[in-house]
């Protein structure tokens, strides 16, 4: 087990300087103007209207459409996504690989991956309910960019008051959880965690003043829709929330294995190296 991985309350890493000082200065210098962002909502049927949350894709999904916009420093962001961010995601994939092997053990040959990343800013009050991530997600990374916002507005990790296992198809009621810790919302901090049956996290109610913004670089590694259909017989990741729990038993069986069975710490195979490389295509 790597010393980088913190297991309590669920496997995660915290890096206080994820990028070099020089690169971080370039990230701040090249942060796109607000006019290039679009209303943004991610998973769990969050609504875009009036959310005060905006995104600019730099990897996967509609990134190419964003890069076509003139004046948004697209050359810098494309290179950043193709080099530094890609290297970071690959490193985390290999770090947590033993968990992914165990989770998808019996369907490993059907696993195809997709990496995506988005620049996010919020200019209204924010509160993200407790959740463990959509079942399609393998791992997530949140890199904070603080623009005059108090540092207690980072991601909060929770523990269930009574033992609870969650598949990730919906948000959860916060009264059933207690705060374990909140990651400081500081520049160049990265929280990375894997999707588990108890990866309970969210953002506590945060009021954002007129001169403040909550900015971050959010990246995720998930199953492709093609892989989701092969494994779970549904069309795409959003359908988990609409499936009325019919896949919950299978999802929990996969997630439970990661904490109850022995993990395989063998070096990555050529197939696994190819698997993560293809996620960036």
Protein backbone atom coordinates (compact mmCIF):
# COMPACT_ATOMS: atom_id res chain seq x y z
CA UNK A 1 0.00 0.00 0.00
CA UNK A 2 1.44 3.38 -1.01
CA UNK A 3 2.15 5.88 1.76
CA UNK A 4 0.56 8.53 -0.45
CA UNK A 5 -2.88 7.02 0.06
CA UNK A 6 -4.87 8.13 3.11
CA UNK A 7 -7.46 5.44 3.88
CA UNK A 8 -9.59 7.21 6.47
CA UNK A 9 -12.47 7.78 5.86
CA UNK A 10 -11.94 6.37 2.33
CA UNK A 11 -8.92 6.11 0.00
CA UNK A 12 -7.73 9.56 -1.08
CA UNK A 13 -4.63 11.69 -1.55
CA UNK A 14 -3.93 15.33 -0.75
CA UNK A 15 -1.20 17.19 -2.60
CA UNK A 16 -0.45 20.68 -1.31
CA UNK A 17 1.55 21.68 -4.40
CA UNK A 18 0.29 19.65 -7.30
CA UNK A 19 2.01 21.81 -9.93
CA UNK A 20 5.23 23.81 -9.98
CA UNK A 21 5.20 27.47 -8.93
CA UNK A 22 5.93 28.53 -12.52
CA UNK A 23 3.08 26.46 -13.96
CA UNK A 24 0.67 27.71 -11.31
CA UNK A 25 1.51 31.29 -12.27
CA UNK A 26 0.74 30.39 -15.90
CA UNK A 27 -2.59 28.82 -14.87
CA UNK A 28 -3.59 32.05 -13.15
CA UNK A 29 -2.34 34.18 -16.02
CA UNK A 30 -4.24 32.15 -18.64
CA UNK A 31 -7.48 31.54 -16.74
CA UNK A 32 -10.19 32.24 -19.35
CA UNK A 33 -12.41 35.28 -19.13
CA UNK A 34 -15.90 34.62 -17.73
CA UNK A 35 -17.48 35.19 -21.15
CA UNK A 36 -15.97 31.90 -22.38
CA UNK A 37 -17.60 29.77 -19.66
CA UNK A 38 -20.99 28.11 -20.03
CA UNK A 39 -23.58 27.16 -17.42
CA UNK A 40 -22.51 23.88 -15.92
CA UNK A 41 -23.98 21.02 -13.93
CA UNK A 42 -22.31 17.67 -13.30
CA UNK A 43 -24.18 14.45 -12.54
CA UNK A 44 -26.98 13.63 -10.12
CA UNK A 45 -29.49 15.67 -12.15
CA UNK A 46 -28.22 19.02 -10.90
CA UNK A 47 -30.00 21.79 -12.76
CA UNK A 48 -28.06 24.38 -14.71
CA UNK A 49 -30.61 27.18 -14.49
CA UNK A 50 -29.69 29.75 -11.85
CA UNK A 51 -26.93 27.57 -10.42
CA UNK A 52 -24.29 30.29 -10.57
CA UNK A 53 -21.93 27.53 -11.66
CA UNK A 54 -19.99 27.73 -14.91
CA UNK A 55 -17.61 25.42 -16.74
CA UNK A 56 -14.96 25.43 -19.47
CA UNK A 57 -13.99 21.94 -20.69
CA UNK A 58 -10.29 21.38 -21.35
CA UNK A 59 -10.32 17.57 -21.73
CA UNK A 60 -12.94 15.19 -23.10
CA UNK A 61 -16.62 15.87 -23.85
CA UNK A 62 -16.94 19.27 -25.56
CA UNK A 63 -13.35 20.47 -25.01
CA UNK A 64 -12.76 20.89 -28.75
CA UNK A 65 -15.73 23.28 -28.97
CA UNK A 66 -14.28 25.41 -26.19
CA UNK A 67 -10.85 25.44 -27.82
CA UNK A 68 -12.41 26.90 -30.99
CA UNK A 69 -13.30 30.09 -29.12
CA UNK A 70 -10.92 32.90 -30.01
CA UNK A 71 -9.13 34.70 -27.19
CA UNK A 72 -9.60 32.04 -24.49
CA UNK A 73 -5.89 31.08 -24.29
CA UNK A 74 -6.80 27.74 -25.87
CA UNK A 75 -3.20 26.92 -26.85
CA UNK A 76 -2.10 27.01 -23.21
CA UNK A 77 -5.06 24.98 -21.94
CA UNK A 78 -4.79 22.34 -24.66
CA UNK A 79 -1.10 21.87 -23.91
CA UNK A 80 -1.77 21.83 -20.14
CA UNK A 81 -4.44 19.14 -20.58
CA UNK A 82 -2.30 17.08 -22.98
CA UNK A 83 0.83 17.15 -20.82
CA UNK A 84 0.70 18.12 -17.13
CA UNK A 85 -2.90 17.18 -16.35
CA UNK A 86 -2.68 13.95 -18.35
CA UNK A 87 0.49 12.95 -16.49
CA UNK A 88 -1.21 13.66 -13.16
CA UNK A 89 -4.25 11.53 -14.02
CA UNK A 90 -2.06 8.65 -15.22
CA UNK A 91 -0.03 8.76 -12.02
CA UNK A 92 -3.20 8.60 -9.89
CA UNK A 93 -4.58 5.77 -12.05
CA UNK A 94 -1.53 3.61 -11.43
CA UNK A 95 -1.54 4.55 -7.73
CA UNK A 96 -5.13 3.36 -7.24
CA UNK A 97 -4.99 0.57 -9.84
CA UNK A 98 -5.25 -2.30 -7.28
CA UNK A 99 -8.68 -0.97 -6.24
CA UNK A 100 -9.93 -0.77 -9.83
CA UNK A 101 -8.78 -4.32 -10.54
CA UNK A 102 -10.75 -5.60 -7.58
CA UNK A 103 -13.85 -3.51 -8.26
CA UNK A 104 -14.27 -4.71 -11.84
CA UNK A 105 -12.70 -8.13 -11.35
CA UNK A 106 -15.22 -10.27 -13.24
CA UNK A 107 -15.87 -7.71 -16.01
CA UNK A 108 -12.34 -6.31 -16.40
CA UNK A 109 -12.27 -7.18 -20.10
CA UNK A 110 -15.29 -4.89 -20.61
CA UNK A 111 -13.76 -1.83 -18.93
CA UNK A 112 -13.12 1.14 -21.22
CA UNK A 113 -12.25 4.50 -19.71
CA UNK A 114 -12.77 8.18 -20.45
CA UNK A 115 -10.91 11.08 -18.83
CA UNK A 116 -12.42 14.55 -18.77
CA UNK A 117 -11.60 17.83 -17.08
CA UNK A 118 -13.32 21.17 -16.68
CA UNK A 119 -12.41 24.59 -15.30
CA UNK A 120 -15.18 25.59 -12.90
CA UNK A 121 -16.16 28.80 -11.20
CA UNK A 122 -19.10 29.56 -8.92
CA UNK A 123 -20.23 33.08 -8.08
CA UNK A 124 -23.27 32.30 -5.93
CA UNK A 125 -23.88 30.55 -2.67
CA UNK A 126 -22.77 26.93 -3.00
CA UNK A 127 -23.75 23.77 -1.19
CA UNK A 128 -23.09 20.33 -2.60
CA UNK A 129 -25.08 17.58 -0.88
CA UNK A 130 -23.41 14.45 0.44
CA UNK A 131 -22.77 11.87 -2.29
CA UNK A 132 -20.24 9.22 -3.30
CA UNK A 133 -20.09 9.94 -7.07
CA UNK A 134 -22.00 8.40 -9.95
CA UNK A 135 -21.37 4.63 -10.30
CA UNK A 136 -19.63 5.25 -13.64
CA UNK A 137 -16.81 7.14 -11.89
CA UNK A 138 -13.54 5.45 -10.87
CA UNK A 139 -11.79 8.47 -9.41
CA UNK A 140 -11.98 12.26 -9.21
CA UNK A 141 -9.52 15.10 -8.69
CA UNK A 142 -10.29 18.61 -7.46
CA UNK A 143 -7.58 21.26 -7.82
CA UNK A 144 -8.38 24.48 -6.00
CA UNK A 145 -7.80 28.00 -7.32
CA UNK A 146 -8.55 30.47 -4.55
CA UNK A 147 -9.58 33.99 -5.56
CA UNK A 148 -9.98 35.78 -2.23
CA UNK A 149 -12.31 33.10 -0.80
CA UNK A 150 -12.05 31.82 2.77
CA UNK A 151 -10.16 28.53 2.99
CA UNK A 152 -12.91 26.58 4.80
CA UNK A 153 -14.91 26.31 1.55
CA UNK A 154 -13.05 23.22 0.32
CA UNK A 155 -14.47 19.73 -0.13
CA UNK A 156 -15.76 18.08 3.06
CA UNK A 157 -15.33 14.37 3.71
CA UNK A 158 -18.00 12.68 5.83
CA UNK A 159 -18.58 9.53 7.85
CA UNK A 160 -21.98 7.93 8.19
CA UNK A 161 -23.41 8.11 11.73
CA UNK A 162 -24.70 4.57 11.27
CA UNK A 163 -22.92 2.17 8.94
CA UNK A 164 -24.10 2.80 5.40
CA UNK A 165 -23.07 1.52 1.99
CA UNK A 166 -23.96 3.62 -1.04
CA UNK A 167 -24.03 2.83 -4.75
CA UNK A 168 -23.92 6.48 -5.82
CA UNK A 169 -27.14 6.80 -7.81
CA UNK A 170 -28.45 9.77 -5.80
CA UNK A 171 -27.64 12.50 -3.28
CA UNK A 172 -27.94 11.64 0.41
CA UNK A 173 -29.48 13.32 3.48
CA UNK A 174 -26.77 15.18 5.42
CA UNK A 175 -28.45 14.53 8.79
CA UNK A 176 -27.19 10.95 8.55
CA UNK A 177 -23.55 12.04 8.39
CA UNK A 178 -20.91 13.76 10.49
CA UNK A 179 -18.04 15.86 9.18
CA UNK A 180 -14.72 14.01 9.20
CA UNK A 181 -12.58 16.81 7.75
CA UNK A 182 -12.66 19.66 5.25
CA UNK A 183 -9.82 20.07 2.77
CA UNK A 184 -8.49 23.67 2.93
CA UNK A 185 -9.47 25.65 -0.15
CA UNK A 186 -5.95 26.80 -0.97
CA UNK A 187 -4.19 27.52 -4.23
CA UNK A 188 -2.59 24.53 -5.95
CA UNK A 189 -4.11 22.01 -3.52
CA UNK A 190 -5.42 18.79 -5.02
CA UNK A 191 -7.81 16.32 -3.44
CA UNK A 192 -7.99 13.03 -5.33
CA UNK A 193 -10.21 10.13 -4.29
CA UNK A 194 -11.67 6.94 -5.68
CA UNK A 195 -15.34 6.08 -5.88
CA UNK A 196 -16.17 3.62 -3.08
CA UNK A 197 -19.25 2.51 -1.16
CA UNK A 198 -18.42 5.15 1.49
CA UNK A 199 -16.68 7.97 -0.40
CA UNK A 200 -19.11 10.45 1.18
CA UNK A 201 -18.19 14.02 0.29
CA UNK A 202 -19.73 17.38 -0.54
CA UNK A 203 -19.35 21.11 0.08
CA UNK A 204 -20.78 22.75 3.18
CA UNK A 205 -22.99 25.80 2.71
CA UNK A 206 -20.68 28.56 1.48
CA UNK A 207 -21.74 32.17 0.90
CA UNK A 208 -19.79 33.85 -1.89
CA UNK A 209 -19.47 37.63 -1.77
CA UNK A 210 -19.72 39.84 -4.84
CA UNK A 211 -15.94 40.14 -5.16
CA UNK A 212 -15.33 36.41 -4.72
CA UNK A 213 -15.40 33.30 -6.87
CA UNK A 214 -14.91 29.63 -6.08
CA UNK A 215 -12.66 28.31 -8.85
CA UNK A 216 -11.24 24.86 -9.43
CA UNK A 217 -9.95 22.43 -12.02
CA UNK A 218 -12.10 19.30 -11.76
CA UNK A 219 -11.07 16.08 -13.45
CA UNK A 220 -12.69 12.66 -13.49
CA UNK A 221 -11.97 9.18 -14.80
CA UNK A 222 -15.08 7.17 -15.61
CA UNK A 223 -16.40 4.29 -17.67
CA UNK A 224 -17.34 5.11 -21.25
CA UNK A 225 -21.02 4.85 -22.15
CA UNK A 226 -20.12 1.82 -24.28
CA UNK A 227 -18.54 0.14 -21.26
CA UNK A 228 -21.51 1.06 -19.04
CA UNK A 229 -23.84 -0.64 -21.51
CA UNK A 230 -21.68 -3.79 -21.61
CA UNK A 231 -21.44 -4.07 -17.81
CA UNK A 232 -24.80 -2.72 -16.58
CA UNK A 233 -27.06 -2.92 -19.67
CA UNK A 234 -27.98 0.77 -19.59
CA UNK A 235 -27.18 3.39 -22.21
CA UNK A 236 -25.18 6.06 -20.35
CA UNK A 237 -24.02 7.30 -16.95
CA UNK A 238 -27.02 9.59 -16.37
CA UNK A 239 -29.32 6.57 -16.57
CA UNK A 240 -28.08 5.25 -13.21
CA UNK A 241 -30.15 7.94 -11.48
CA UNK A 242 -33.19 6.94 -13.52
CA UNK A 243 -32.86 3.17 -13.10
CA UNK A 244 -34.77 3.03 -9.78
CA UNK A 245 -32.02 1.07 -8.07
CA UNK A 246 -32.22 -2.07 -10.23
CA UNK A 247 -28.40 -2.08 -10.64
CA UNK A 248 -27.67 -1.20 -7.02
CA UNK A 249 -26.95 -4.75 -5.85
CA UNK A 250 -24.40 -5.33 -8.60
CA UNK A 251 -22.73 -1.95 -8.05
CA UNK A 252 -22.45 -2.49 -4.29
CA UNK A 253 -21.09 -5.99 -4.78
CA UNK A 254 -18.29 -4.54 -6.90
CA UNK A 255 -17.59 -1.67 -4.50
CA UNK A 256 -17.70 -3.88 -1.39
CA UNK A 257 -14.93 -6.09 -2.77
CA UNK A 258 -12.45 -3.22 -2.61
CA UNK A 259 -12.57 -3.17 1.18
CA UNK A 260 -13.20 -6.83 1.99
CA UNK A 261 -10.90 -8.72 -0.38
CA UNK A 262 -7.15 -8.76 -0.92
CA UNK A 263 -5.89 -6.29 -3.53
CA UNK A 264 -3.49 -7.05 -6.39
CA UNK A 265 -0.44 -4.78 -6.22
CA UNK A 266 1.36 -6.16 -9.27
CA UNK A 267 2.82 -3.57 -11.70
CA UNK A 268 0.53 -2.31 -14.46
CA UNK A 269 0.24 -4.60 -17.46
CA UNK A 270 0.56 -3.43 -21.06
CA UNK A 271 -3.23 -3.73 -21.34
CA UNK A 272 -3.75 -1.45 -18.32
CA UNK A 273 -1.29 1.10 -19.68
CA UNK A 274 -3.19 1.06 -22.96
CA UNK A 275 -6.48 1.37 -21.04
CA UNK A 276 -5.52 4.69 -19.44
CA UNK A 277 -3.91 6.03 -22.64
CA UNK A 278 -7.11 5.39 -24.58
CA UNK A 279 -9.09 7.37 -22.00
CA UNK A 280 -7.55 10.58 -23.37
CA UNK A 281 -8.55 9.97 -27.00
